[in-house]
């Protein structure tokens, strides 16, 4: 892997953690220098989906608490 790409990854803590849990992307980075741009797009899309899922879970939890309170009354 190119040194500049490695430094970019190390400087971005969240991307570094993402790669730690999705280590198979290192293979693509080693093979193709241009994969870094694709990786950023994949990471941003996955991170956005995670945020949306967390928000939906909060809404579901709020609805469940509301339903429980209605039953208790």
N, C-alpha and C. Protein backbone atom coordinates (compact mmCIF):
# COMPACT_ATOMS: atom_id res chain seq x y z
N UNK A 1 0.85 -1.17 0.00
CA UNK A 1 0.00 0.00 0.00
C UNK A 1 0.90 1.24 0.00
N UNK A 2 0.45 2.25 -0.68
CA UNK A 2 1.20 3.50 -0.76
C UNK A 2 1.22 4.19 0.60
N UNK A 3 2.33 4.83 0.88
CA UNK A 3 2.51 5.48 2.17
C UNK A 3 1.52 6.63 2.37
N UNK A 4 1.25 7.40 1.33
CA UNK A 4 0.34 8.53 1.47
C UNK A 4 -1.09 8.06 1.79
N UNK A 5 -1.50 6.96 1.20
CA UNK A 5 -2.83 6.42 1.50
C UNK A 5 -2.89 5.92 2.94
N UNK A 6 -1.84 5.27 3.36
CA UNK A 6 -1.77 4.79 4.74
C UNK A 6 -1.84 5.94 5.73
N UNK A 7 -1.16 7.03 5.43
CA UNK A 7 -1.19 8.21 6.31
C UNK A 7 -2.58 8.85 6.32
N UNK A 8 -3.25 8.86 5.18
CA UNK A 8 -4.62 9.40 5.13
C UNK A 8 -5.55 8.57 6.00
N UNK A 9 -5.39 7.26 5.93
CA UNK A 9 -6.24 6.37 6.73
C UNK A 9 -5.97 6.56 8.21
N UNK A 10 -4.70 6.64 8.58
CA UNK A 10 -4.33 6.80 10.00
C UNK A 10 -4.80 8.14 10.55
N UNK A 11 -4.86 9.17 9.70
CA UNK A 11 -5.26 10.49 10.18
C UNK A 11 -6.77 10.59 10.42
N UNK A 12 -7.54 9.72 9.77
CA UNK A 12 -9.00 9.72 9.93
C UNK A 12 -9.37 8.57 10.87
N UNK A 13 -9.59 8.89 12.14
CA UNK A 13 -9.84 7.88 13.17
C UNK A 13 -11.05 7.00 12.86
N UNK A 14 -12.13 7.62 12.39
CA UNK A 14 -13.34 6.85 12.12
C UNK A 14 -13.15 5.90 10.93
N UNK A 15 -12.46 6.36 9.90
CA UNK A 15 -12.17 5.49 8.76
C UNK A 15 -11.24 4.36 9.18
N UNK A 16 -10.28 4.67 10.03
CA UNK A 16 -9.36 3.65 10.53
C UNK A 16 -10.12 2.58 11.31
N UNK A 17 -11.04 3.00 12.16
CA UNK A 17 -11.86 2.04 12.91
C UNK A 17 -12.76 1.22 11.98
N UNK A 18 -13.30 1.87 10.97
CA UNK A 18 -14.13 1.17 9.99
C UNK A 18 -13.32 0.09 9.29
N UNK A 19 -12.10 0.42 8.90
CA UNK A 19 -11.24 -0.56 8.23
C UNK A 19 -10.81 -1.68 9.18
N UNK A 20 -10.75 -1.36 10.43
CA UNK A 20 -10.40 -2.39 11.41
C UNK A 20 -11.48 -3.47 11.45
N UNK A 21 -12.73 -3.07 11.31
CA UNK A 21 -13.82 -4.04 11.33
C UNK A 21 -14.15 -4.59 9.93
N UNK A 22 -13.67 -3.93 8.89
CA UNK A 22 -13.87 -4.39 7.51
C UNK A 22 -12.50 -4.53 6.84
N UNK A 23 -11.70 -5.41 7.37
CA UNK A 23 -10.29 -5.49 6.97
C UNK A 23 -10.09 -6.00 5.54
N UNK A 24 -11.09 -6.60 4.94
CA UNK A 24 -10.92 -7.10 3.58
C UNK A 24 -10.70 -5.97 2.57
N UNK A 25 -11.03 -4.72 2.94
CA UNK A 25 -10.78 -3.60 2.04
C UNK A 25 -9.29 -3.31 1.91
N UNK A 26 -8.49 -3.74 2.85
CA UNK A 26 -7.05 -3.54 2.73
C UNK A 26 -6.51 -4.26 1.49
N UNK A 27 -7.08 -5.38 1.17
CA UNK A 27 -6.65 -6.12 -0.01
C UNK A 27 -6.84 -5.28 -1.27
N UNK A 28 -8.00 -4.63 -1.36
CA UNK A 28 -8.27 -3.80 -2.53
C UNK A 28 -7.37 -2.56 -2.56
N UNK A 29 -7.09 -2.03 -1.38
CA UNK A 29 -6.19 -0.88 -1.32
C UNK A 29 -4.77 -1.25 -1.73
N UNK A 30 -4.35 -2.44 -1.41
CA UNK A 30 -3.03 -2.90 -1.81
C UNK A 30 -2.94 -3.12 -3.31
N UNK A 31 -4.01 -3.54 -3.90
CA UNK A 31 -4.01 -3.84 -5.34
C UNK A 31 -4.19 -2.60 -6.21
N UNK A 32 -5.02 -1.68 -5.75
CA UNK A 32 -5.36 -0.53 -6.59
C UNK A 32 -5.28 0.75 -5.77
N UNK A 33 -4.44 1.65 -6.19
CA UNK A 33 -4.25 2.92 -5.48
C UNK A 33 -5.52 3.77 -5.55
N UNK A 34 -6.27 3.66 -6.62
CA UNK A 34 -7.47 4.47 -6.82
C UNK A 34 -8.66 3.98 -6.01
N UNK A 35 -8.53 2.86 -5.35
CA UNK A 35 -9.64 2.33 -4.56
C UNK A 35 -9.92 3.19 -3.33
N UNK A 36 -8.98 4.02 -2.93
CA UNK A 36 -9.17 4.86 -1.75
C UNK A 36 -10.41 5.76 -1.92
N UNK A 37 -10.57 6.33 -3.10
CA UNK A 37 -11.75 7.18 -3.35
C UNK A 37 -13.04 6.36 -3.27
N UNK A 38 -13.01 5.15 -3.81
CA UNK A 38 -14.18 4.27 -3.73
C UNK A 38 -14.46 3.89 -2.28
N UNK A 39 -13.39 3.65 -1.54
CA UNK A 39 -13.53 3.30 -0.13
C UNK A 39 -14.19 4.41 0.66
N UNK A 40 -13.82 5.64 0.38
CA UNK A 40 -14.45 6.78 1.07
C UNK A 40 -15.94 6.83 0.78
N UNK A 41 -16.32 6.58 -0.46
CA UNK A 41 -17.75 6.57 -0.81
C UNK A 41 -18.48 5.44 -0.09
N UNK A 42 -17.86 4.26 -0.04
CA UNK A 42 -18.46 3.13 0.65
C UNK A 42 -18.61 3.44 2.13
N UNK A 43 -17.57 4.00 2.72
CA UNK A 43 -17.58 4.34 4.14
C UNK A 43 -18.67 5.37 4.45
N UNK A 44 -18.77 6.41 3.65
CA UNK A 44 -19.77 7.44 3.89
C UNK A 44 -21.19 6.89 3.76
N UNK A 45 -21.39 6.03 2.76
CA UNK A 45 -22.72 5.44 2.56
C UNK A 45 -23.08 4.54 3.74
N UNK A 46 -22.13 3.72 4.17
CA UNK A 46 -22.37 2.82 5.29
C UNK A 46 -22.60 3.60 6.59
N UNK A 47 -21.84 4.66 6.78
CA UNK A 47 -21.98 5.49 7.97
C UNK A 47 -23.34 6.20 7.97
N UNK A 48 -23.78 6.65 6.81
CA UNK A 48 -25.09 7.30 6.69
C UNK A 48 -26.20 6.30 7.01
N UNK A 49 -26.07 5.09 6.48
CA UNK A 49 -27.08 4.06 6.76
C UNK A 49 -27.11 3.71 8.25
N UNK A 50 -25.94 3.69 8.88
CA UNK A 50 -25.89 3.43 10.31
C UNK A 50 -26.63 4.50 11.09
N UNK A 51 -26.41 5.76 10.71
CA UNK A 51 -27.07 6.86 11.41
C UNK A 51 -28.58 6.80 11.23
N UNK A 52 -29.02 6.47 10.04
CA UNK A 52 -30.46 6.35 9.78
C UNK A 52 -31.05 5.22 10.60
N UNK A 53 -30.33 4.09 10.67
CA UNK A 53 -30.81 2.95 11.45
C UNK A 53 -30.89 3.28 12.93
N UNK A 54 -29.91 4.00 13.45
CA UNK A 54 -29.94 4.40 14.87
C UNK A 54 -31.13 5.32 15.14
N UNK A 55 -31.39 6.25 14.22
CA UNK A 55 -32.51 7.15 14.38
C UNK A 55 -33.83 6.38 14.37
N UNK A 56 -33.95 5.42 13.47
CA UNK A 56 -35.17 4.60 13.42
C UNK A 56 -35.34 3.77 14.68
N UNK A 57 -34.25 3.29 15.25
CA UNK A 57 -34.34 2.54 16.50
C UNK A 57 -34.82 3.42 17.64
N UNK A 58 -34.38 4.66 17.67
CA UNK A 58 -34.82 5.59 18.71
C UNK A 58 -36.32 5.84 18.58
N UNK A 59 -36.78 6.03 17.36
CA UNK A 59 -38.21 6.25 17.13
C UNK A 59 -39.01 5.02 17.56
N UNK A 60 -38.52 3.84 17.21
CA UNK A 60 -39.21 2.60 17.59
C UNK A 60 -39.27 2.45 19.11
N UNK A 61 -38.17 2.78 19.79
CA UNK A 61 -38.14 2.69 21.25
C UNK A 61 -39.11 3.68 21.88
N UNK A 62 -39.19 4.87 21.33
CA UNK A 62 -40.11 5.88 21.85
C UNK A 62 -41.57 5.42 21.67
N UNK A 63 -41.86 4.83 20.53
CA UNK A 63 -43.21 4.32 20.29
C UNK A 63 -43.54 3.17 21.24
N UNK A 64 -42.58 2.31 21.49
CA UNK A 64 -42.80 1.18 22.39
C UNK A 64 -43.05 1.68 23.81
N UNK A 65 -42.27 2.65 24.26
CA UNK A 65 -42.47 3.22 25.60
C UNK A 65 -43.84 3.87 25.69
N UNK A 66 -44.23 4.58 24.64
CA UNK A 66 -45.55 5.22 24.61
C UNK A 66 -46.66 4.18 24.72
N UNK A 67 -46.53 3.08 23.99
CA UNK A 67 -47.54 2.01 24.04
C UNK A 67 -47.59 1.35 25.42
N UNK A 68 -46.43 1.15 26.03
CA UNK A 68 -46.41 0.56 27.36
C UNK A 68 -47.10 1.48 28.37
N UNK A 69 -46.84 2.77 28.27
CA UNK A 69 -47.47 3.72 29.19
C UNK A 69 -49.00 3.77 29.00
N UNK A 70 -49.45 3.61 27.77
CA UNK A 70 -50.88 3.59 27.52
C UNK A 70 -51.52 2.35 28.14
N UNK A 71 -50.83 1.21 28.10
CA UNK A 71 -51.35 -0.03 28.67
C UNK A 71 -51.38 0.08 30.19
N UNK A 72 -50.37 0.70 30.78
CA UNK A 72 -50.27 0.81 32.24
C UNK A 72 -51.38 1.70 32.77
N UNK A 73 -51.78 2.72 32.04
CA UNK A 73 -52.83 3.63 32.53
C UNK A 73 -54.10 2.93 32.63
